[in-house]
């Protein structure tokens, strides 16, 4: 039931793709916990997801600043993504491991869909600008303030 990373999900930047792959792996871990009904693992897994989402947001914002990309709308998309994951987390953790196969499928599909939608749709304008830079582009870290590592 896990979803698979594909090249089509690349946004054209190694650092951001790495963050997306990391989030993808965390979501697959949550999916495994849902399928096995390992409710003890879910709070920690969702906490890790939220921590890594915040780190990923910082990486993207840092790169956006370096390429003069107006990040206002994308910042809102990040907040919406975080809120969606929190809703899923709240929905599933209140069930105490008691959910139907249909609900299980809905949780799994929702988790996967949120990230894929964010990458493909919300990220489209950002990707268009990233595609004008080298895949390995990183902002100059001379000032020491740039964050180019998330949770990976």
Protein backbone atom coordinates (compact mmCIF):
# COMPACT_ATOMS: atom_id res chain seq x y z
CA UNK A 1 0.00 0.00 0.00
CA UNK A 2 3.01 2.32 0.13
CA UNK A 3 3.55 4.79 -2.65
CA UNK A 4 6.65 4.77 -4.78
CA UNK A 5 8.92 7.71 -5.52
CA UNK A 6 9.35 8.33 -9.22
CA UNK A 7 11.41 10.68 -11.35
CA UNK A 8 8.19 12.44 -12.34
CA UNK A 9 8.04 13.84 -8.80
CA UNK A 10 11.39 15.61 -9.18
CA UNK A 11 11.20 19.39 -8.85
CA UNK A 12 14.57 19.96 -10.47
CA UNK A 13 16.65 20.52 -7.35
CA UNK A 14 18.66 17.83 -5.54
CA UNK A 15 18.20 19.26 -2.03
CA UNK A 16 14.43 19.62 -2.38
CA UNK A 17 14.06 16.24 -4.08
CA UNK A 18 16.02 14.72 -1.18
CA UNK A 19 13.61 16.32 1.30
CA UNK A 20 10.62 15.04 -0.68
CA UNK A 21 12.08 11.51 -0.75
CA UNK A 22 12.64 11.67 2.99
CA UNK A 23 9.04 12.75 3.60
CA UNK A 24 7.91 9.99 1.26
CA UNK A 25 9.83 7.42 3.36
CA UNK A 26 8.36 8.76 6.61
CA UNK A 27 4.84 8.57 5.16
CA UNK A 28 5.51 4.99 4.05
CA UNK A 29 6.54 4.22 7.64
CA UNK A 30 3.26 5.69 8.89
CA UNK A 31 1.39 3.64 6.29
CA UNK A 32 3.11 0.48 7.58
CA UNK A 33 2.06 1.36 11.12
CA UNK A 34 -1.52 1.94 9.98
CA UNK A 35 -1.65 -1.39 8.13
CA UNK A 36 -0.15 -3.29 11.07
CA UNK A 37 -2.30 -1.25 13.51
CA UNK A 38 0.80 -0.37 15.47
CA UNK A 39 -0.88 2.50 17.31
CA UNK A 40 2.04 2.86 19.70
CA UNK A 41 4.30 3.88 16.79
CA UNK A 42 1.91 6.39 15.22
CA UNK A 43 2.36 9.39 17.55
CA UNK A 44 6.16 9.27 17.22
CA UNK A 45 5.93 8.74 13.45
CA UNK A 46 3.61 11.73 13.03
CA UNK A 47 5.87 13.81 15.27
CA UNK A 48 8.81 12.92 13.02
CA UNK A 49 6.75 13.81 9.95
CA UNK A 50 5.89 17.22 11.39
CA UNK A 51 9.50 17.90 12.41
CA UNK A 52 10.77 16.93 8.96
CA UNK A 53 8.05 18.95 7.24
CA UNK A 54 9.21 22.04 9.11
CA UNK A 55 12.83 21.37 8.18
CA UNK A 56 11.81 20.81 4.57
CA UNK A 57 9.88 24.09 4.57
CA UNK A 58 13.04 25.89 5.72
CA UNK A 59 15.11 24.28 2.96
CA UNK A 60 12.62 25.31 0.29
CA UNK A 61 12.29 28.83 1.61
CA UNK A 62 16.05 29.24 1.73
CA UNK A 63 16.40 28.15 -1.88
CA UNK A 64 13.47 30.35 -2.93
CA UNK A 65 15.15 33.38 -1.36
CA UNK A 66 18.41 32.59 -3.13
CA UNK A 67 16.70 32.51 -6.54
CA UNK A 68 14.41 35.48 -5.82
CA UNK A 69 11.24 33.40 -6.01
CA UNK A 70 8.21 35.02 -4.36
CA UNK A 71 7.46 32.43 -1.70
CA UNK A 72 4.26 33.97 -0.29
CA UNK A 73 1.81 31.60 -1.94
CA UNK A 74 4.04 28.56 -1.48
CA UNK A 75 4.39 29.38 2.23
CA UNK A 76 0.59 29.23 2.47
CA UNK A 77 0.65 25.88 0.67
CA UNK A 78 3.14 24.63 3.27
CA UNK A 79 0.83 25.68 6.11
CA UNK A 80 -2.09 23.95 4.38
CA UNK A 81 -0.02 20.78 3.93
CA UNK A 82 0.95 20.78 7.59
CA UNK A 83 -2.70 21.30 8.59
CA UNK A 84 -3.81 18.43 6.35
CA UNK A 85 -1.31 16.05 7.92
CA UNK A 86 -2.40 17.19 11.40
CA UNK A 87 -6.03 16.46 10.53
CA UNK A 88 -5.11 12.99 9.34
CA UNK A 89 -3.03 12.44 12.47
CA UNK A 90 -5.86 13.57 14.75
CA UNK A 91 -8.37 11.44 12.88
CA UNK A 92 -6.34 8.27 13.09
CA UNK A 93 -4.86 8.64 16.57
CA UNK A 94 -8.30 9.14 18.12
CA UNK A 95 -9.42 5.80 16.68
CA UNK A 96 -7.20 3.81 19.04
CA UNK A 97 -6.36 1.26 16.37
CA UNK A 98 -9.99 0.54 15.62
CA UNK A 99 -10.76 1.42 12.02
CA UNK A 100 -12.30 -0.39 9.09
CA UNK A 101 -10.39 -1.49 5.99
CA UNK A 102 -12.17 1.33 4.14
CA UNK A 103 -10.98 3.90 6.70
CA UNK A 104 -7.48 2.42 6.55
CA UNK A 105 -7.43 2.87 2.78
CA UNK A 106 -8.71 6.44 3.14
CA UNK A 107 -5.96 7.32 5.64
CA UNK A 108 -3.28 5.80 3.44
CA UNK A 109 -4.58 7.46 0.28
CA UNK A 110 -4.89 10.81 2.04
CA UNK A 111 -1.33 10.70 3.38
CA UNK A 112 0.11 9.87 -0.03
CA UNK A 113 -2.14 12.26 -1.92
CA UNK A 114 -1.26 15.26 0.27
CA UNK A 115 2.44 15.05 -0.50
CA UNK A 116 2.02 14.18 -4.18
CA UNK A 117 -0.49 17.01 -4.68
CA UNK A 118 1.84 19.43 -2.94
CA UNK A 119 4.80 18.45 -5.12
CA UNK A 120 2.91 18.33 -8.43
CA UNK A 121 0.42 21.17 -8.03
CA UNK A 122 1.57 23.57 -5.32
CA UNK A 123 5.17 23.19 -6.43
CA UNK A 124 4.59 23.81 -10.14
CA UNK A 125 5.47 27.55 -10.14
CA UNK A 126 8.54 26.89 -7.96
CA UNK A 127 9.64 24.02 -10.24
CA UNK A 128 9.41 26.29 -13.29
CA UNK A 129 11.99 28.60 -11.71
CA UNK A 130 14.13 25.77 -10.33
CA UNK A 131 14.35 24.29 -13.83
CA UNK A 132 16.35 27.37 -14.88
CA UNK A 133 19.11 26.42 -12.40
CA UNK A 134 21.47 23.48 -12.15
CA UNK A 135 20.03 20.42 -10.40
CA UNK A 136 22.71 20.70 -7.72
CA UNK A 137 22.06 24.41 -7.11
CA UNK A 138 22.53 25.43 -3.47
CA UNK A 139 22.49 28.93 -2.05
CA UNK A 140 25.79 30.38 -0.95
CA UNK A 141 26.19 29.42 2.69
CA UNK A 142 28.85 32.01 3.45
CA UNK A 143 26.61 33.88 5.89
CA UNK A 144 26.01 30.76 7.96
CA UNK A 145 22.25 31.37 8.02
CA UNK A 146 21.28 29.16 5.13
CA UNK A 147 19.67 25.86 6.01
CA UNK A 148 20.30 23.19 3.43
CA UNK A 149 19.61 20.15 5.47
CA UNK A 150 16.29 18.99 6.67
CA UNK A 151 15.62 15.75 8.38
CA UNK A 152 17.56 13.44 6.07
